[in-house]
Each structure stands twice: as C-alpha cells, then as structure tokens.
Amino acid sequence: MTTPAARTPEHEPAHGQSGARVAQGIRDAILNGDLAPGERLRQEELAARFGASRVPVREALRTLAAEGLVTLVANSGAWVAKLTAAEVTELYEIRERIEPLLLQYSIARLSSETVDQLEELAEQMEQAPDADAFIELDRRFHLLSYSAADTLVLESMATELWNRTQHYRRQFV
C-alpha cells in the first residue's frame, strides 16, 4: 500500500487529468444542451458515463461550480446551474460591455487567416439549418473575434459569461 508520504508528484497528474477530462465532458454536455438547467448531477452516473472514479468527478464538479455552470449544495449534491431571467439579463449586459473592449484589444492583432475564418463563420451562420447550428457558429465567431486580445482576465471572463448563458440562448434564438 502506498502511504501519503510515499506518494510522488508523478502519481498526482492522473487524477488532475482525469478531473479535467470529466469537467470538459460535463461542460460540453451542458453547453450542448444534453444537461439542462436545474438537472441533478449524480456522481455515480457521471463516473460511469466518463469512465472515471468519483474523485475526478468531484474535482470536475468543483471546477464547474467555480465557472458558474454547476451549483453545489453541501450534503445534498450538484445540479446544472439555473439562472433567473434577471441574472441572464445582467450577464448579457456585462458581456455587452466587455466584448467591445476585447475586440479593441484583438482586432489589430487578428491574422488574415483568422479574418478569413470569421468571414466563413459569418457565411455559415447565414445558412445555418437550425438554431443549434446557429448558436454553435455564433459562439465560435464571437470567441474567435477576440482571440487575439492579449489580456490576462477579460478573455476568460467573456468565455465564462458565454458558458453560463449558453443553454439559455436556445430558448431565445
């Protein structure tokens, strides 16, 4: 048996990598609408779904709670975060204020290849066959448009705001 004192750093990354993999899987399921706002997240089911133990699932749920995608209630469990209409409105108002600043930082630094990708995404949005396709393309367009911004906080903040409101966009598009 390995004692805690005998553990070496090479033993640690596996849990962290597994937790990150599970977090990405849950995040994708939330953003894709496979997990709905208010839906209960059971650790055992998530562990089976992502082929992981409960430790990485707990790590993933804590990560997603910090991102605002999951609500954790002590001694009760986890749920996909649910927002009120007022919260969604406020989050959009925040986005409306920080995205122009991100664009200001990004626009002069965009490569011609990125501009071409943005034009292609805009054309694809015009031809989107359904709301889900439009939402995905619109998200990619916006995130790409300020991807060249050299910021320490704003870009991750904008991505978090997109993530927190993503599943509500389906209701309004």
C-alpha atoms as a PDB file:
ATOM      1  CA  MET A   1       0.000   0.000   0.000  1.00  0.00           C
ATOM      2  CA  THR A   2       1.275   3.473  -0.860  1.00  0.00           C
ATOM      3  CA  THR A   3       1.298   5.856   2.065  1.00  0.00           C
ATOM      4  CA  PRO A   4       0.660   9.561   1.546  1.00  0.00           C
ATOM      5  CA  ALA A   5       4.287  10.313   2.441  1.00  0.00           C
ATOM      6  CA  ALA A   6       5.476   7.863  -0.234  1.00  0.00           C
ATOM      7  CA  ARG A   7       3.412   9.465  -2.984  1.00  0.00           C
ATOM      8  CA  THR A   8       5.445  11.203  -5.632  1.00  0.00           C
ATOM      9  CA  PRO A   9       4.367  14.023  -7.950  1.00  0.00           C
ATOM     10  CA  GLU A  10       4.056  11.625 -10.888  1.00  0.00           C
ATOM     11  CA  HIS A  11       1.104   9.983  -9.086  1.00  0.00           C
ATOM     12  CA  GLU A  12      -0.860  13.229  -8.955  1.00  0.00           C
ATOM     13  CA  PRO A  13      -1.358  14.219 -12.616  1.00  0.00           C
ATOM     14  CA  ALA A  14      -3.575  11.224 -13.391  1.00  0.00           C
ATOM     15  CA  HIS A  15      -6.313  12.469 -11.063  1.00  0.00           C
ATOM     16  CA  GLY A  16      -5.923  16.046 -12.290  1.00  0.00           C
ATOM     17  CA  GLN A  17      -6.018  14.974 -15.927  1.00  0.00           C
ATOM     18  CA  SER A  18      -8.997  12.731 -15.292  1.00  0.00           C
ATOM     19  CA  GLY A  19     -10.778  15.530 -13.426  1.00  0.00           C
ATOM     20  CA  ALA A  20     -10.083  17.929 -16.295  1.00  0.00           C
ATOM     21  CA  ARG A  21     -11.334  15.361 -18.834  1.00  0.00           C
ATOM     22  CA  VAL A  22     -14.527  14.784 -16.844  1.00  0.00           C
ATOM     23  CA  ALA A  23     -15.026  18.539 -16.376  1.00  0.00           C
ATOM     24  CA  GLN A  24     -14.696  19.070 -20.136  1.00  0.00           C
ATOM     25  CA  GLY A  25     -17.191  16.288 -20.814  1.00  0.00           C
ATOM     26  CA  ILE A  26     -19.742  17.700 -18.381  1.00  0.00           C
ATOM     27  CA  ARG A  27     -19.098  21.249 -19.655  1.00  0.00           C
ATOM     28  CA  ASP A  28     -19.707  20.097 -23.238  1.00  0.00           C
ATOM     29  CA  ALA A  29     -22.907  18.305 -22.193  1.00  0.00           C
ATOM     30  CA  ILE A  30     -24.171  21.468 -20.510  1.00  0.00           C
ATOM     31  CA  LEU A  31     -23.208  23.751 -23.402  1.00  0.00           C
ATOM     32  CA  ASN A  32     -24.704  21.344 -25.965  1.00  0.00           C
ATOM     33  CA  GLY A  33     -27.965  21.159 -24.038  1.00  0.00           C
ATOM     34  CA  ASP A  34     -27.600  17.470 -23.138  1.00  0.00           C
ATOM     35  CA  LEU A  35     -27.779  18.511 -19.477  1.00  0.00           C
ATOM     36  CA  ALA A  36     -30.478  21.084 -18.787  1.00  0.00           C
ATOM     37  CA  PRO A  37     -30.504  23.907 -16.224  1.00  0.00           C
ATOM     38  CA  GLY A  38     -31.666  22.543 -12.890  1.00  0.00           C
ATOM     39  CA  GLU A  39     -30.895  18.927 -13.797  1.00  0.00           C
ATOM     40  CA  ARG A  40     -29.472  16.831 -10.952  1.00  0.00           C
ATOM     41  CA  LEU A  41     -25.895  15.629 -11.446  1.00  0.00           C
ATOM     42  CA  ARG A  42     -25.291  12.304  -9.725  1.00  0.00           C
ATOM     43  CA  GLN A  43     -21.655  11.452  -9.107  1.00  0.00           C
ATOM     44  CA  GLU A  44     -22.125   7.726  -9.701  1.00  0.00           C
ATOM     45  CA  GLU A  45     -23.822   8.293 -13.072  1.00  0.00           C
ATOM     46  CA  LEU A  46     -21.178  10.799 -14.160  1.00  0.00           C
ATOM     47  CA  ALA A  47     -18.382   8.452 -13.098  1.00  0.00           C
ATOM     48  CA  ALA A  48     -19.894   5.659 -15.201  1.00  0.00           C
ATOM     49  CA  ARG A  49     -20.574   7.981 -18.145  1.00  0.00           C
ATOM     50  CA  PHE A  50     -16.991   9.265 -18.255  1.00  0.00           C
ATOM     51  CA  GLY A  51     -15.211   6.110 -17.134  1.00  0.00           C
ATOM     52  CA  ALA A  52     -13.779   7.688 -14.016  1.00  0.00           C
ATOM     53  CA  SER A  53     -13.908   7.234 -10.274  1.00  0.00           C
ATOM     54  CA  ARG A  54     -15.846   9.599  -8.025  1.00  0.00           C
ATOM     55  CA  VAL A  55     -12.706  11.573  -7.061  1.00  0.00           C
ATOM     56  CA  PRO A  56     -12.215  13.118 -10.539  1.00  0.00           C
ATOM     57  CA  VAL A  57     -15.985  13.657 -10.785  1.00  0.00           C
ATOM     58  CA  ARG A  58     -15.921  15.634  -7.531  1.00  0.00           C
ATOM     59  CA  GLU A  59     -12.933  17.637  -8.840  1.00  0.00           C
ATOM     60  CA  ALA A  60     -14.816  18.296 -12.074  1.00  0.00           C
ATOM     61  CA  LEU A  61     -17.943  19.434 -10.254  1.00  0.00           C
ATOM     62  CA  ARG A  62     -15.908  21.856  -8.115  1.00  0.00           C
ATOM     63  CA  THR A  63     -14.253  23.247 -11.248  1.00  0.00           C
ATOM     64  CA  LEU A  64     -17.591  23.712 -12.978  1.00  0.00           C
ATOM     65  CA  ALA A  65     -19.100  25.293  -9.864  1.00  0.00           C
ATOM     66  CA  ALA A  66     -16.264  27.844  -9.922  1.00  0.00           C
ATOM     67  CA  GLU A  67     -17.163  28.550 -13.568  1.00  0.00           C
ATOM     68  CA  GLY A  68     -20.822  29.061 -12.675  1.00  0.00           C
ATOM     69  CA  LEU A  69     -22.044  26.044 -14.655  1.00  0.00           C
ATOM     70  CA  VAL A  70     -22.858  23.833 -11.665  1.00  0.00           C
ATOM     71  CA  THR A  71     -24.463  24.551  -8.314  1.00  0.00           C
ATOM     72  CA  LEU A  72     -23.133  22.541  -5.376  1.00  0.00           C
ATOM     73  CA  VAL A  73     -25.206  22.207  -2.225  1.00  0.00           C
ATOM     74  CA  ALA A  74     -23.387  20.815   0.821  1.00  0.00           C
ATOM     75  CA  ASN A  75     -24.627  17.370   1.830  1.00  0.00           C
ATOM     76  CA  SER A  76     -27.226  17.431  -0.967  1.00  0.00           C
ATOM     77  CA  GLY A  77     -25.474  17.177  -4.318  1.00  0.00           C
ATOM     78  CA  ALA A  78     -24.917  19.016  -7.568  1.00  0.00           C
ATOM     79  CA  TRP A  79     -27.191  20.471 -10.240  1.00  0.00           C
ATOM     80  CA  VAL A  80     -26.683  22.208 -13.553  1.00  0.00           C
ATOM     81  CA  ALA A  81     -26.796  25.894 -12.651  1.00  0.00           C
ATOM     82  CA  LYS A  82     -30.130  27.559 -13.190  1.00  0.00           C
ATOM     83  CA  LEU A  83     -30.378  31.299 -13.778  1.00  0.00           C
ATOM     84  CA  THR A  84     -33.274  33.674 -13.335  1.00  0.00           C
ATOM     85  CA  ALA A  85     -34.287  35.962 -16.185  1.00  0.00           C
ATOM     86  CA  ALA A  86     -32.758  38.878 -14.263  1.00  0.00           C
ATOM     87  CA  GLU A  87     -29.436  37.020 -13.931  1.00  0.00           C
ATOM     88  CA  VAL A  88     -29.366  36.184 -17.648  1.00  0.00           C
ATOM     89  CA  THR A  89     -30.112  39.818 -18.495  1.00  0.00           C
ATOM     90  CA  GLU A  90     -27.336  41.029 -16.204  1.00  0.00           C
ATOM     91  CA  LEU A  91     -24.822  38.565 -17.621  1.00  0.00           C
ATOM     92  CA  TYR A  92     -25.658  39.731 -21.147  1.00  0.00           C
ATOM     93  CA  GLU A  93     -25.254  43.352 -20.086  1.00  0.00           C
ATOM     94  CA  ILE A  94     -21.811  42.542 -18.701  1.00  0.00           C
ATOM     95  CA  ARG A  95     -20.900  40.833 -21.978  1.00  0.00           C
ATOM     96  CA  GLU A  96     -22.123  43.859 -23.929  1.00  0.00           C
ATOM     97  CA  ARG A  97     -19.632  45.978 -22.023  1.00  0.00           C
ATOM     98  CA  ILE A  98     -16.543  43.775 -22.036  1.00  0.00           C
ATOM     99  CA  GLU A  99     -16.714  42.331 -25.553  1.00  0.00           C
ATOM    100  CA  PRO A 100     -16.132  45.689 -27.274  1.00  0.00           C
ATOM    101  CA  LEU A 101     -13.052  46.136 -25.090  1.00  0.00           C
ATOM    102  CA  LEU A 102     -11.834  42.669 -26.067  1.00  0.00           C
ATOM    103  CA  LEU A 103     -12.435  43.478 -29.727  1.00  0.00           C
ATOM    104  CA  GLN A 104     -10.472  46.694 -29.310  1.00  0.00           C
ATOM    105  CA  TYR A 105      -7.520  44.670 -27.996  1.00  0.00           C
ATOM    106  CA  SER A 106      -7.935  41.931 -30.594  1.00  0.00           C
ATOM    107  CA  ILE A 107      -8.861  43.495 -33.924  1.00  0.00           C
ATOM    108  CA  ALA A 108      -5.460  44.909 -34.906  1.00  0.00           C
ATOM    109  CA  ARG A 109      -3.777  41.627 -33.980  1.00  0.00           C
ATOM    110  CA  LEU A 110      -6.059  39.306 -35.981  1.00  0.00           C
ATOM    111  CA  SER A 111      -4.213  37.418 -38.694  1.00  0.00           C
ATOM    112  CA  SER A 112      -5.566  37.383 -42.242  1.00  0.00           C
ATOM    113  CA  GLU A 113      -6.266  33.652 -41.757  1.00  0.00           C
ATOM    114  CA  THR A 114      -8.387  34.425 -38.701  1.00  0.00           C
ATOM    115  CA  VAL A 115     -10.269  37.139 -40.593  1.00  0.00           C
ATOM    116  CA  ASP A 116     -10.940  34.598 -43.350  1.00  0.00           C
ATOM    117  CA  GLN A 117     -12.246  32.139 -40.737  1.00  0.00           C
ATOM    118  CA  LEU A 118     -14.513  34.849 -39.309  1.00  0.00           C
ATOM    119  CA  GLU A 119     -15.911  35.585 -42.768  1.00  0.00           C
ATOM    120  CA  GLU A 120     -16.536  31.872 -43.320  1.00  0.00           C
ATOM    121  CA  LEU A 121     -18.280  31.554 -39.957  1.00  0.00           C
ATOM    122  CA  ALA A 122     -20.482  34.570 -40.778  1.00  0.00           C
ATOM    123  CA  GLU A 123     -21.491  32.941 -44.073  1.00  0.00           C
ATOM    124  CA  GLN A 124     -22.201  29.650 -42.313  1.00  0.00           C
ATOM    125  CA  MET A 125     -24.370  31.444 -39.746  1.00  0.00           C
ATOM    126  CA  GLU A 126     -26.480  32.906 -42.554  1.00  0.00           C
ATOM    127  CA  GLN A 127     -27.030  29.378 -43.896  1.00  0.00           C
ATOM    128  CA  ALA A 128     -27.416  27.620 -40.526  1.00  0.00           C
ATOM    129  CA  PRO A 129     -30.035  24.878 -40.845  1.00  0.00           C
ATOM    130  CA  ASP A 130     -31.330  25.222 -37.278  1.00  0.00           C
ATOM    131  CA  ALA A 131     -30.980  27.137 -34.019  1.00  0.00           C
ATOM    132  CA  ASP A 132     -28.429  24.719 -32.551  1.00  0.00           C
ATOM    133  CA  ALA A 133     -26.127  25.100 -35.551  1.00  0.00           C
ATOM    134  CA  PHE A 134     -26.521  28.893 -35.468  1.00  0.00           C
ATOM    135  CA  ILE A 135     -25.762  29.026 -31.733  1.00  0.00           C
ATOM    136  CA  GLU A 136     -22.586  26.967 -32.144  1.00  0.00           C
ATOM    137  CA  LEU A 137     -21.379  29.023 -35.124  1.00  0.00           C
ATOM    138  CA  ASP A 138     -22.223  32.319 -33.405  1.00  0.00           C
ATOM    139  CA  ARG A 139     -20.289  31.250 -30.318  1.00  0.00           C
ATOM    140  CA  ARG A 140     -17.260  30.241 -32.396  1.00  0.00           C
ATOM    141  CA  PHE A 141     -17.449  33.550 -34.305  1.00  0.00           C
ATOM    142  CA  HIS A 142     -17.510  35.694 -31.184  1.00  0.00           C
ATOM    143  CA  LEU A 143     -14.816  33.779 -29.304  1.00  0.00           C
ATOM    144  CA  LEU A 144     -12.580  33.794 -32.374  1.00  0.00           C
ATOM    145  CA  SER A 145     -13.152  37.520 -32.975  1.00  0.00           C
ATOM    146  CA  TYR A 146     -11.417  38.426 -29.749  1.00  0.00           C
ATOM    147  CA  SER A 147      -8.979  35.521 -29.594  1.00  0.00           C
ATOM    148  CA  ALA A 148      -6.015  37.761 -30.473  1.00  0.00           C
ATOM    149  CA  ALA A 149      -6.585  40.016 -27.476  1.00  0.00           C
ATOM    150  CA  ASP A 150      -3.590  39.947 -25.175  1.00  0.00           C
ATOM    151  CA  THR A 151      -5.415  40.098 -21.854  1.00  0.00           C
ATOM    152  CA  LEU A 152      -4.930  38.449 -18.520  1.00  0.00           C
ATOM    153  CA  VAL A 153      -8.559  38.292 -17.377  1.00  0.00           C
ATOM    154  CA  LEU A 154     -11.040  39.627 -19.927  1.00  0.00           C
ATOM    155  CA  GLU A 155     -10.985  36.767 -22.434  1.00  0.00           C
ATOM    156  CA  SER A 156     -11.552  34.080 -19.796  1.00  0.00           C
ATOM    157  CA  MET A 157     -14.255  36.251 -18.235  1.00  0.00           C
ATOM    158  CA  ALA A 158     -16.032  36.587 -21.574  1.00  0.00           C
ATOM    159  CA  THR A 159     -15.798  32.832 -22.189  1.00  0.00           C
ATOM    160  CA  GLU A 160     -17.259  32.160 -18.744  1.00  0.00           C
ATOM    161  CA  LEU A 161     -20.147  34.533 -19.470  1.00  0.00           C
ATOM    162  CA  TRP A 162     -20.793  32.746 -22.776  1.00  0.00           C
ATOM    163  CA  ASN A 163     -20.717  29.390 -20.996  1.00  0.00           C
ATOM    164  CA  ARG A 164     -23.069  30.470 -18.225  1.00  0.00           C
ATOM    165  CA  THR A 165     -25.689  31.742 -20.677  1.00  0.00           C
ATOM    166  CA  GLN A 166     -25.205  29.191 -23.479  1.00  0.00           C
ATOM    167  CA  HIS A 167     -28.089  26.897 -22.573  1.00  0.00           C
ATOM    168  CA  TYR A 168     -30.451  29.878 -22.245  1.00  0.00           C
ATOM    169  CA  ARG A 169     -29.630  31.065 -25.752  1.00  0.00           C
ATOM    170  CA  ARG A 170     -31.524  28.070 -27.161  1.00  0.00           C
ATOM    171  CA  GLN A 171     -34.703  29.455 -25.619  1.00  0.00           C
ATOM    172  CA  PHE A 172     -34.296  32.855 -27.252  1.00  0.00           C
ATOM    173  CA  VAL A 173     -32.834  32.083 -30.694  1.00  0.00           C
END
